[in-house]
């Protein structure tokens, strides 16, 4: 469903009381996540319960394959509002231009916007008509107001601008350009030879012309197309005796599913007399590269590709998704670690003067634990709490603790185990926010946990991959170390091992407390680890 139709539906649902308008819709296809910003009219109060009702309604009519975040923004204009919106506009549309906002003034009913553009990008800004695009943007949002934008050349490239630019470099349009599939041995088949690289089918979510995709054919079939005159002619011909020279060309619609590693799409090709015989050779399993126009499919309620050109090709041997991962952020934004000293820090390794083993000396560690909505990430369960501590030179130095909003109901069975409710997480960071800071916290560290290789790591890697954070750290599992080096226990549950090692485990099944207990067990067993 297109966003314009979404706005029509929500206005119809609310009897146009709020006069909703689309401000922006940003889709991150690699994470299956969409942020939709919606204006509502000034002079009205949008209650929390109304907002929740509207979000539920919109999610019910939007494609279910994506996660959504809705932001409702009151539509009023001020110099401060223009200042804030302008920064967002420039980041999304002109991430490579170095600028600063000189002034925003209201003069004679015209909002005068002045931008200082650094000399190294000034000509580029002029060529891109930044001043005109800025005015068009604000005019489209505030039709009854007048705007004027002036570009000035100046020196604005400094350390602060450079730091902000790190985020701009990850503009989605640039990342999407990297999400291509390189095929080989391209052989012209029907139509023209295709020189472009193929896009991910997963990324093609709206009507578009000259789309190039590749994959394997599934479920191909052909349908004879006849108009009324042809049908009448066929009836007459059927009454006449046939001979070998009476064979006539029948126009056919070829329909197949094209599938790559990210998804599939229905393809349509209408034959003509010159290519009919070739098309008969297409079969399921054929590897092809196609180009055509993507449009709404009125029958299947999705999209279908009207194919113009077909080439045989060889798909890559490693036919798998390439994820463009985020870079580490320069600072913590959502969850800030804190320095920590535990009450018996000096006794964890025995006497205070005891030597720290080489494994602890030579590495930094992050010991973590997760609480989740259930036991299966593949079935849709998600993390709801991250608890972690950092170990440096044999000492626990920092902690990282946060609830995580799973954007779904926490089952009662989960709450019975860890005590975490929907109310606890409703204002917590989303997974892509919490994981951004946890990724920074774990850089250059070995990640450890308790039975983490069999459980926590699956959630961490899976959910982080979806949010484009690459936790490529070395790992170790304290459960395995304990099982190998502590003998005679009735079981190797965390509580049992903690008791045997003289480690206090408070609030079991809460992430930070489990992580701290695991870290203390690890410090006592680290001397047994072979690097």
Protein backbone atom coordinates (compact mmCIF):
# COMPACT_ATOMS: atom_id res chain seq x y z
CA UNK A 1 0.00 0.00 0.00
CA UNK A 2 1.40 3.42 -0.93
CA UNK A 3 1.79 6.00 1.83
CA UNK A 4 -0.64 8.43 0.17
CA UNK A 5 -3.34 5.78 0.34
CA UNK A 6 -2.43 5.16 3.98
CA UNK A 7 -3.08 8.84 4.77
CA UNK A 8 -6.41 8.69 2.96
CA UNK A 9 -7.40 5.63 4.99
CA UNK A 10 -6.43 7.08 8.38
CA UNK A 11 -8.23 10.35 7.58
CA UNK A 12 -11.30 8.35 6.63
CA UNK A 13 -10.96 6.34 9.86
CA UNK A 14 -10.85 9.57 11.93
CA UNK A 15 -13.46 11.49 9.88
CA UNK A 16 -10.65 13.87 8.88
CA UNK A 17 -10.67 15.37 12.37
CA UNK A 18 -6.87 15.58 12.55
CA UNK A 19 -6.24 16.42 8.87
CA UNK A 20 -3.31 14.00 8.71
CA UNK A 21 -0.63 14.59 6.09
CA UNK A 22 2.43 12.55 5.24
CA UNK A 23 5.65 14.22 6.40
CA UNK A 24 8.05 11.43 5.45
CA UNK A 25 8.38 7.67 5.07
CA UNK A 26 11.83 6.13 5.32
CA UNK A 27 12.18 2.44 4.59
CA UNK A 28 15.21 0.39 5.59
CA UNK A 29 14.70 -2.77 3.55
CA UNK A 30 17.71 -4.56 4.90
CA UNK A 31 16.17 -4.35 8.35
CA UNK A 32 12.51 -4.65 7.23
CA UNK A 33 11.85 -1.47 9.17
CA UNK A 34 9.90 1.66 8.20
CA UNK A 35 9.62 5.01 9.99
CA UNK A 36 6.55 7.03 9.01
CA UNK A 37 6.17 10.66 10.15
CA UNK A 38 2.67 12.13 9.99
CA UNK A 39 1.56 15.73 10.44
CA UNK A 40 -1.66 16.54 12.24
CA UNK A 41 -3.36 19.94 12.37
CA UNK A 42 -2.51 22.63 14.90
CA UNK A 43 -5.08 23.46 17.56
CA UNK A 44 -5.90 19.87 18.47
CA UNK A 45 -4.58 17.58 21.22
CA UNK A 46 -3.56 14.07 20.19
CA UNK A 47 -4.11 11.87 23.24
CA UNK A 48 -1.86 8.85 23.91
CA UNK A 49 -4.78 6.44 23.69
CA UNK A 50 -5.81 7.93 20.33
CA UNK A 51 -2.25 7.66 19.05
CA UNK A 52 -2.10 3.98 20.04
CA UNK A 53 -5.44 3.32 18.37
CA UNK A 54 -4.30 5.00 15.14
CA UNK A 55 -1.01 3.09 15.12
CA UNK A 56 -2.84 -0.23 15.55
CA UNK A 57 -5.19 0.64 12.69
CA UNK A 58 -2.38 1.66 10.32
CA UNK A 59 -0.35 -1.47 11.09
CA UNK A 60 -3.42 -3.56 10.23
CA UNK A 61 -3.58 -2.13 6.68
CA UNK A 62 0.14 -1.88 5.92
CA UNK A 63 2.22 -4.80 4.57
CA UNK A 64 2.88 -7.19 7.45
CA UNK A 65 6.48 -8.00 6.42
CA UNK A 66 7.78 -4.74 7.89
CA UNK A 67 8.14 -3.30 11.37
CA UNK A 68 6.79 0.23 11.74
CA UNK A 69 7.47 3.25 13.89
CA UNK A 70 4.96 6.10 13.65
CA UNK A 71 5.79 9.66 14.62
CA UNK A 72 2.97 12.20 14.90
CA UNK A 73 4.08 15.80 14.45
CA UNK A 74 1.87 18.84 15.04
CA UNK A 75 1.82 20.98 11.90
CA UNK A 76 2.68 24.49 12.94
CA UNK A 77 5.37 26.78 11.66
CA UNK A 78 8.00 28.75 13.52
CA UNK A 79 11.58 29.72 12.93
CA UNK A 80 12.67 26.94 15.30
CA UNK A 81 10.52 24.42 13.44
CA UNK A 82 12.05 25.41 10.11
CA UNK A 83 15.51 25.14 11.63
CA UNK A 84 14.86 21.57 12.84
CA UNK A 85 13.10 20.38 9.67
CA UNK A 86 15.82 21.86 7.51
CA UNK A 87 18.50 19.80 9.21
CA UNK A 88 16.50 16.61 8.63
CA UNK A 89 15.82 17.59 5.00
CA UNK A 90 19.50 18.25 4.25
CA UNK A 91 20.60 15.01 5.90
CA UNK A 92 18.17 12.93 3.87
CA UNK A 93 18.53 14.66 0.51
CA UNK A 94 22.02 16.19 0.40
CA UNK A 95 24.24 14.16 2.76
CA UNK A 96 27.41 15.02 0.82
CA UNK A 97 27.03 18.82 1.11
CA UNK A 98 28.88 20.54 3.96
CA UNK A 99 26.76 23.39 5.28
CA UNK A 100 25.57 25.29 8.29
CA UNK A 101 22.36 27.23 8.82
CA UNK A 102 23.20 30.91 8.90
CA UNK A 103 19.75 32.26 9.77
CA UNK A 104 16.00 31.72 9.55
CA UNK A 105 14.04 34.97 9.67
CA UNK A 106 10.45 36.03 9.04
CA UNK A 107 10.51 39.22 6.97
CA UNK A 108 7.41 40.71 5.26
CA UNK A 109 5.50 37.40 5.47
CA UNK A 110 8.39 35.53 3.84
CA UNK A 111 10.55 33.05 5.71
CA UNK A 112 14.12 33.89 4.69
CA UNK A 113 16.50 30.94 4.97
CA UNK A 114 20.23 31.46 4.61
CA UNK A 115 22.64 28.54 4.22
CA UNK A 116 26.41 28.80 4.27
CA UNK A 117 27.92 26.12 2.04
CA UNK A 118 31.57 25.17 2.33
CA UNK A 119 33.59 26.11 -0.73
CA UNK A 120 34.43 22.49 -1.53
CA UNK A 121 30.74 21.61 -2.04
CA UNK A 122 29.33 25.03 -3.04
CA UNK A 123 29.29 24.37 -6.80
CA UNK A 124 27.76 20.96 -6.20
CA UNK A 125 25.02 22.60 -4.11
CA UNK A 126 24.29 25.11 -6.88
CA UNK A 127 24.16 22.37 -9.48
CA UNK A 128 21.74 20.39 -7.32
CA UNK A 129 19.58 23.53 -6.92
CA UNK A 130 19.58 23.12 -3.14
CA UNK A 131 18.00 26.53 -2.57
CA UNK A 132 15.07 25.71 -4.87
CA UNK A 133 14.60 22.24 -3.37
CA UNK A 134 14.53 23.69 0.16
CA UNK A 135 11.78 26.15 -0.83
CA UNK A 136 9.82 23.42 -2.61
CA UNK A 137 10.04 21.21 0.46
CA UNK A 138 8.69 23.82 2.88
CA UNK A 139 6.09 25.06 0.43
CA UNK A 140 4.77 21.51 0.04
CA UNK A 141 4.34 21.29 3.82
CA UNK A 142 3.08 24.82 4.46
CA UNK A 143 1.13 25.84 1.37
CA UNK A 144 -0.07 29.17 2.74
CA UNK A 145 3.46 30.40 3.57
CA UNK A 146 6.20 31.90 1.40
CA UNK A 147 9.84 30.88 1.50
CA UNK A 148 13.12 32.09 0.10
CA UNK A 149 16.49 30.33 0.42
CA UNK A 150 19.88 31.90 -0.20
CA UNK A 151 23.17 30.01 -0.56
CA UNK A 152 26.38 31.68 0.59
CA UNK A 153 29.92 30.39 0.21
CA UNK A 154 31.88 30.18 3.43
CA UNK A 155 34.19 28.11 5.62
CA UNK A 156 32.08 25.57 7.51
CA UNK A 157 34.04 22.33 7.37
CA UNK A 158 35.19 21.83 10.95
CA UNK A 159 35.47 18.98 13.46
CA UNK A 160 31.82 19.23 14.49
CA UNK A 161 30.57 19.08 10.90
CA UNK A 162 32.91 16.18 10.19
CA UNK A 163 31.55 14.21 13.15
CA UNK A 164 27.99 14.75 12.01
CA UNK A 165 28.99 13.73 8.50
CA UNK A 166 29.75 10.21 9.74
CA UNK A 167 26.02 9.63 10.03
CA UNK A 168 25.31 11.27 6.67
CA UNK A 169 27.61 8.83 4.90
CA UNK A 170 25.19 6.06 5.77
CA UNK A 171 22.37 7.56 3.74
CA UNK A 172 20.02 4.74 2.72
CA UNK A 173 20.19 5.63 -0.98
CA UNK A 174 23.96 5.12 -0.92
CA UNK A 175 23.64 1.83 0.95
CA UNK A 176 20.99 0.58 -1.44
CA UNK A 177 23.37 1.18 -4.35
CA UNK A 178 25.67 -1.44 -2.80
CA UNK A 179 22.91 -4.03 -2.59
CA UNK A 180 23.49 -5.46 -6.05
CA UNK A 181 23.92 -8.94 -7.49
CA UNK A 182 26.72 -9.45 -10.03
CA UNK A 183 25.88 -12.22 -12.51
CA UNK A 184 28.17 -13.66 -15.19
CA UNK A 185 28.00 -15.32 -18.61
CA UNK A 186 25.14 -13.07 -19.75
CA UNK A 187 23.60 -14.35 -22.99
CA UNK A 188 21.00 -12.31 -24.89
CA UNK A 189 17.79 -14.30 -25.16
CA UNK A 190 14.70 -12.18 -25.81
CA UNK A 191 14.89 -8.43 -26.32
CA UNK A 192 18.09 -6.48 -25.69
CA UNK A 193 21.17 -7.54 -23.74
CA UNK A 194 21.11 -6.29 -20.15
CA UNK A 195 24.25 -4.51 -18.99
CA UNK A 196 23.07 -3.32 -15.54
CA UNK A 197 23.63 -5.25 -12.33
CA UNK A 198 20.59 -6.73 -10.62
CA UNK A 199 18.85 -5.34 -7.54
CA UNK A 200 17.63 -7.43 -4.62
CA UNK A 201 14.02 -8.47 -5.20
CA UNK A 202 13.47 -7.68 -1.52
CA UNK A 203 14.31 -4.02 -2.20
CA UNK A 204 11.69 -3.59 -4.93
CA UNK A 205 8.62 -2.59 -2.95
CA UNK A 206 6.88 0.05 -5.10
CA UNK A 207 6.09 0.62 -8.80
CA UNK A 208 9.21 1.45 -10.78
CA UNK A 209 10.36 1.44 -14.41
CA UNK A 210 13.38 -0.37 -15.89
CA UNK A 211 13.91 -2.66 -12.91
CA UNK A 212 16.68 -5.25 -13.31
CA UNK A 213 16.56 -8.41 -11.18
CA UNK A 214 17.85 -11.96 -11.46
CA UNK A 215 17.13 -15.39 -10.07
CA UNK A 216 15.77 -18.81 -10.85
CA UNK A 217 12.45 -19.47 -12.57
CA UNK A 218 9.70 -21.22 -10.61
CA UNK A 219 6.24 -22.38 -11.72
CA UNK A 220 6.31 -21.15 -15.32
CA UNK A 221 3.14 -21.42 -17.38
CA UNK A 222 1.66 -19.94 -20.54
CA UNK A 223 -1.87 -18.76 -21.30
CA UNK A 224 -3.24 -18.39 -24.82
CA UNK A 225 -4.59 -14.86 -25.35
CA UNK A 226 -7.45 -14.42 -27.80
CA UNK A 227 -9.60 -11.42 -28.60
CA UNK A 228 -13.20 -11.71 -29.70
CA UNK A 229 -12.40 -11.75 -33.44
CA UNK A 230 -9.86 -14.49 -32.97
CA UNK A 231 -12.37 -16.58 -31.03
CA UNK A 232 -14.93 -16.23 -33.84
CA UNK A 233 -12.27 -17.09 -36.40
CA UNK A 234 -11.24 -20.15 -34.37
CA UNK A 235 -14.82 -21.39 -34.28
CA UNK A 236 -15.08 -21.11 -38.09
CA UNK A 237 -11.71 -22.76 -38.59
CA UNK A 238 -12.72 -25.63 -36.37
CA UNK A 239 -15.51 -26.51 -38.82
CA UNK A 240 -13.08 -26.71 -41.75
CA UNK A 241 -10.80 -29.71 -42.35
CA UNK A 242 -7.21 -29.01 -41.21
CA UNK A 243 -3.98 -29.61 -43.11
CA UNK A 244 -0.31 -29.15 -42.23
CA UNK A 245 -0.15 -25.60 -43.60
CA UNK A 246 -2.99 -24.31 -41.42
CA UNK A 247 -0.93 -23.81 -38.25
CA UNK A 248 -1.39 -20.26 -37.00
CA UNK A 249 0.49 -18.27 -34.39
CA UNK A 250 -1.29 -17.94 -31.05
CA UNK A 251 -0.27 -15.07 -28.78
CA UNK A 252 0.60 -16.27 -25.29
CA UNK A 253 1.09 -14.67 -21.91
CA UNK A 254 4.00 -16.29 -20.10
CA UNK A 255 3.90 -16.10 -16.34
CA UNK A 256 6.50 -17.29 -13.86
CA UNK A 257 7.90 -16.62 -10.39
CA UNK A 258 11.47 -15.30 -10.27
CA UNK A 259 13.23 -16.00 -7.00
CA UNK A 260 16.52 -14.76 -5.58
CA UNK A 261 17.85 -15.23 -2.03
CA UNK A 262 15.86 -12.25 -0.71
CA UNK A 263 12.40 -12.93 -2.11
CA UNK A 264 10.39 -13.54 -5.25
CA UNK A 265 8.21 -11.66 -7.70
CA UNK A 266 5.67 -12.60 -10.34
CA UNK A 267 6.89 -11.94 -13.91
CA UNK A 268 4.74 -11.49 -17.02
CA UNK A 269 5.81 -11.56 -20.69
CA UNK A 270 3.52 -11.23 -23.69
CA UNK A 271 4.89 -13.14 -26.67
CA UNK A 272 4.89 -12.11 -30.31
CA UNK A 273 5.42 -14.09 -33.47
CA UNK A 274 9.19 -13.54 -33.54
CA UNK A 275 9.95 -14.70 -29.99
CA UNK A 276 7.27 -17.35 -29.45
CA UNK A 277 9.53 -20.31 -30.22
CA UNK A 278 12.27 -19.01 -27.91
CA UNK A 279 9.94 -18.53 -24.98
CA UNK A 280 8.83 -22.14 -25.23
CA UNK A 281 12.37 -23.08 -24.12
CA UNK A 282 12.11 -21.27 -20.78
CA UNK A 283 11.71 -23.77 -17.97
CA UNK A 284 11.70 -23.99 -14.19
CA UNK A 285 15.20 -23.77 -12.75
CA UNK A 286 16.57 -21.56 -15.54
CA UNK A 287 18.89 -18.81 -14.26
CA UNK A 288 17.93 -15.52 -15.89
CA UNK A 289 18.46 -11.77 -15.74
CA UNK A 290 15.39 -9.70 -16.62
CA UNK A 291 14.49 -6.05 -17.12
CA UNK A 292 11.00 -4.57 -17.03
CA UNK A 293 8.47 -2.32 -15.33
CA UNK A 294 7.24 -3.09 -11.84
CA UNK A 295 3.55 -2.28 -11.29
CA UNK A 296 0.65 -3.02 -8.97
CA UNK A 297 -0.84 -6.46 -9.56
CA UNK A 298 -4.61 -6.00 -9.36
CA UNK A 299 -5.23 -9.72 -9.05
CA UNK A 300 -2.59 -10.78 -6.52
CA UNK A 301 -2.62 -7.59 -4.38
CA UNK A 302 1.12 -7.16 -4.78
CA UNK A 303 3.59 -6.19 -7.45
CA UNK A 304 4.40 -7.91 -10.74
CA UNK A 305 7.12 -7.28 -13.29
CA UNK A 306 6.11 -6.69 -16.89
CA UNK A 307 9.23 -8.07 -18.58
CA UNK A 308 10.79 -6.43 -21.65
CA UNK A 309 14.20 -8.13 -21.88
CA UNK A 310 15.40 -11.58 -20.84
CA UNK A 311 18.97 -12.88 -20.71
CA UNK A 312 20.31 -16.21 -19.62
CA UNK A 313 23.02 -15.81 -16.98
CA UNK A 314 25.05 -17.60 -14.35
CA UNK A 315 24.15 -16.65 -10.78
CA UNK A 316 26.95 -16.15 -8.23
CA UNK A 317 28.13 -19.30 -6.44
CA UNK A 318 27.66 -17.55 -3.09
CA UNK A 319 24.09 -16.55 -3.81
CA UNK A 320 23.39 -14.93 -0.45
CA UNK A 321 22.47 -11.54 0.93
CA UNK A 322 25.20 -8.95 1.36
CA UNK A 323 24.37 -6.74 4.31
CA UNK A 324 25.76 -3.22 4.41
CA UNK A 325 26.54 -2.93 8.11
CA UNK A 326 26.56 0.30 10.10
CA UNK A 327 29.80 1.79 11.30
CA UNK A 328 30.49 2.19 15.00
CA UNK A 329 29.06 5.48 16.26
CA UNK A 330 31.37 8.10 17.72
CA UNK A 331 29.37 8.34 20.96
CA UNK A 332 26.68 6.54 22.94
CA UNK A 333 23.20 7.82 22.11
CA UNK A 334 20.58 5.67 23.86
CA UNK A 335 22.30 3.59 26.56
CA UNK A 336 25.37 4.96 28.33
CA UNK A 337 27.62 2.53 30.23
CA UNK A 338 28.59 3.33 33.83
CA UNK A 339 31.79 2.71 35.75
CA UNK A 340 31.41 -0.05 38.33
CA UNK A 341 33.24 -1.51 41.32
CA UNK A 342 31.72 -4.66 42.82
CA UNK A 343 31.76 -5.16 46.57
CA UNK A 344 34.28 -8.02 46.53
CA UNK A 345 36.22 -7.11 43.40
CA UNK A 346 39.63 -7.71 44.95
CA UNK A 347 38.85 -11.25 46.10
CA UNK A 348 37.61 -12.64 42.81
CA UNK A 349 41.09 -13.80 41.86
CA UNK A 350 42.08 -14.79 45.39
CA UNK A 351 44.44 -12.45 47.17
CA UNK A 352 44.71 -8.88 45.89
CA UNK A 353 48.36 -9.45 45.03
CA UNK A 354 47.66 -12.58 42.99
CA UNK A 355 48.86 -12.50 39.41
CA UNK A 356 46.27 -12.03 36.69
CA UNK A 357 46.47 -14.87 34.17
CA UNK A 358 47.63 -14.15 30.64
CA UNK A 359 44.18 -14.74 29.14
CA UNK A 360 42.79 -11.89 31.26
CA UNK A 361 45.84 -9.69 30.75
CA UNK A 362 45.86 -10.03 26.98
CA UNK A 363 42.16 -9.50 26.29
CA UNK A 364 39.16 -7.36 27.16
CA UNK A 365 35.82 -9.10 27.68
CA UNK A 366 32.15 -8.23 27.68
CA UNK A 367 30.05 -10.68 29.66
CA UNK A 368 26.38 -10.39 28.76
CA UNK A 369 22.97 -11.92 29.24
CA UNK A 370 19.64 -11.41 27.48
CA UNK A 371 16.05 -11.72 28.58
CA UNK A 372 13.63 -12.45 25.74
CA UNK A 373 9.95 -12.85 24.93
CA UNK A 374 10.47 -16.58 24.36
CA UNK A 375 12.92 -19.28 23.38
CA UNK A 376 12.92 -19.11 19.57
CA UNK A 377 14.29 -16.17 17.59
CA UNK A 378 13.32 -17.89 14.33
CA UNK A 379 9.69 -18.00 15.51
CA UNK A 380 9.62 -14.28 16.16
CA UNK A 381 10.74 -13.99 19.78
CA UNK A 382 12.78 -10.87 20.57
CA UNK A 383 15.09 -9.57 23.29
CA UNK A 384 13.57 -7.41 26.03
CA UNK A 385 16.61 -6.78 28.23
CA UNK A 386 20.38 -6.57 27.77
CA UNK A 387 22.67 -6.75 30.78
CA UNK A 388 26.46 -6.72 30.45
CA UNK A 389 29.70 -5.92 32.23
CA UNK A 390 33.15 -5.19 30.84
CA UNK A 391 36.28 -6.91 32.16
CA UNK A 392 39.68 -5.28 31.73
CA UNK A 393 42.93 -6.68 33.17
CA UNK A 394 40.99 -9.01 35.43
CA UNK A 395 38.67 -6.33 36.87
CA UNK A 396 35.01 -5.58 36.18
CA UNK A 397 35.11 -1.94 35.09
CA UNK A 398 31.81 -0.96 33.41
CA UNK A 399 28.23 -2.05 33.21
CA UNK A 400 25.67 -1.80 30.40
CA UNK A 401 22.02 -2.33 31.26
CA UNK A 402 18.81 -1.55 29.41
CA UNK A 403 15.31 -2.80 28.74
CA UNK A 404 14.55 -3.23 25.03
CA UNK A 405 11.14 -2.51 23.54
CA UNK A 406 10.27 -5.59 21.42
CA UNK A 407 7.31 -3.72 19.87
CA UNK A 408 5.11 -6.68 20.64
CA UNK A 409 3.31 -8.11 23.66
CA UNK A 410 5.48 -9.94 26.20
CA UNK A 411 3.83 -13.32 26.84
CA UNK A 412 2.74 -14.06 30.38
CA UNK A 413 5.01 -17.14 30.50
CA UNK A 414 8.01 -14.92 29.87
CA UNK A 415 6.90 -12.45 32.55
CA UNK A 416 6.54 -15.32 35.04
CA UNK A 417 10.23 -16.16 34.52
CA UNK A 418 11.89 -12.74 34.40
CA UNK A 419 9.24 -10.41 35.84
CA UNK A 420 9.44 -8.03 32.86
CA UNK A 421 6.11 -6.59 31.65
CA UNK A 422 4.92 -4.51 28.73
CA UNK A 423 4.87 -1.44 30.99
CA UNK A 424 8.55 -1.96 31.83
CA UNK A 425 9.64 -1.79 28.20
CA UNK A 426 7.16 0.63 26.65
CA UNK A 427 9.52 3.63 26.90
CA UNK A 428 12.73 1.63 26.39
CA UNK A 429 14.98 1.91 23.32
CA UNK A 430 13.95 -0.15 20.29
CA UNK A 431 16.27 -3.02 19.35
CA UNK A 432 18.08 -1.04 16.62
CA UNK A 433 18.77 1.72 19.17
CA UNK A 434 19.91 -0.46 22.05
CA UNK A 435 22.04 -2.63 19.76
CA UNK A 436 23.73 0.45 18.31
CA UNK A 437 25.17 1.31 21.73
CA UNK A 438 25.80 -2.30 22.75
CA UNK A 439 27.82 -2.73 19.55
CA UNK A 440 30.00 0.20 20.59
CA UNK A 441 30.34 -1.27 24.11
CA UNK A 442 31.65 -4.59 22.74
CA UNK A 443 34.25 -3.33 20.25
CA UNK A 444 37.67 -5.02 20.62
CA UNK A 445 36.27 -7.36 23.27
CA UNK A 446 35.73 -11.12 23.48
CA UNK A 447 32.03 -11.69 24.15
CA UNK A 448 31.23 -14.24 26.85
CA UNK A 449 28.09 -15.44 28.59
CA UNK A 450 26.50 -18.47 30.20
CA UNK A 451 25.30 -20.98 27.61
CA UNK A 452 25.45 -18.02 25.23
CA UNK A 453 26.63 -20.13 22.27
CA UNK A 454 23.36 -22.08 22.39
CA UNK A 455 20.93 -19.26 23.19
CA UNK A 456 21.94 -15.61 23.69
CA UNK A 457 24.29 -15.48 20.69
CA UNK A 458 21.50 -16.68 18.40
CA UNK A 459 19.30 -13.76 19.44
CA UNK A 460 22.17 -11.28 19.40
CA UNK A 461 23.47 -12.24 15.95
CA UNK A 462 20.02 -12.64 14.41
CA UNK A 463 18.51 -9.44 15.72
CA UNK A 464 21.68 -7.43 15.12
CA UNK A 465 22.00 -8.67 11.56
CA UNK A 466 18.45 -7.51 10.88
CA UNK A 467 19.36 -4.08 12.31
CA UNK A 468 22.67 -4.02 10.36
CA UNK A 469 25.08 -4.33 13.31
CA UNK A 470 27.84 -6.87 12.78
CA UNK A 471 28.81 -8.54 16.06
CA UNK A 472 31.86 -10.32 14.67
CA UNK A 473 33.62 -10.67 18.03
CA UNK A 474 35.36 -13.80 19.25
CA UNK A 475 33.19 -15.59 21.81
CA UNK A 476 33.56 -17.96 24.73
CA UNK A 477 30.98 -19.79 26.82
CA UNK A 478 31.43 -19.90 30.61
CA UNK A 479 28.99 -22.83 30.79
CA UNK A 480 31.42 -24.93 28.72
CA UNK A 481 34.42 -23.78 30.80
CA UNK A 482 32.59 -24.70 34.03
CA UNK A 483 31.44 -28.06 32.70
CA UNK A 484 35.02 -28.95 31.77
CA UNK A 485 36.74 -27.75 34.94
CA UNK A 486 34.27 -28.16 37.82
CA UNK A 487 33.49 -31.78 38.60
CA UNK A 488 30.88 -33.45 40.78
CA UNK A 489 27.94 -31.02 40.37
CA UNK A 490 24.40 -32.37 40.04
CA UNK A 491 23.85 -29.98 37.11
CA UNK A 492 25.50 -27.00 35.52
CA UNK A 493 22.78 -24.39 35.78
CA UNK A 494 24.05 -20.89 36.50
CA UNK A 495 22.71 -20.92 40.06
CA UNK A 496 24.29 -24.27 40.84
CA UNK A 497 27.71 -23.28 39.49
CA UNK A 498 27.54 -19.87 41.21
CA UNK A 499 26.88 -21.52 44.58
CA UNK A 500 29.72 -23.99 44.07
CA UNK A 501 32.12 -21.15 43.21
CA UNK A 502 31.03 -18.95 46.12
CA UNK A 503 29.46 -16.36 43.81
CA UNK A 504 26.32 -14.50 44.90
CA UNK A 505 23.49 -14.62 42.33
CA UNK A 506 20.87 -11.99 43.10
CA UNK A 507 17.69 -11.66 41.02
CA UNK A 508 18.25 -14.69 38.83
CA UNK A 509 16.72 -14.39 35.35
CA UNK A 510 17.36 -10.67 35.19
CA UNK A 511 19.97 -9.89 32.57
CA UNK A 512 22.42 -7.65 34.44
CA UNK A 513 22.53 -9.80 37.59
CA UNK A 514 23.03 -12.98 35.56
CA UNK A 515 25.77 -11.26 33.53
CA UNK A 516 27.54 -10.08 36.71
CA UNK A 517 27.43 -13.54 38.32
CA UNK A 518 28.68 -15.10 35.08
CA UNK A 519 31.55 -12.59 34.95
CA UNK A 520 32.59 -13.41 38.51
CA UNK A 521 32.55 -17.16 37.76
CA UNK A 522 34.56 -16.52 34.62
CA UNK A 523 37.23 -14.55 36.51
CA UNK A 524 37.74 -17.54 38.80
CA UNK A 525 37.94 -20.02 35.91
CA UNK A 526 39.86 -17.94 33.35
CA UNK A 527 43.17 -19.51 34.33
CA UNK A 528 41.96 -22.81 32.83
CA UNK A 529 41.24 -21.31 29.39
CA UNK A 530 43.70 -22.11 26.60
CA UNK A 531 43.94 -19.18 24.19
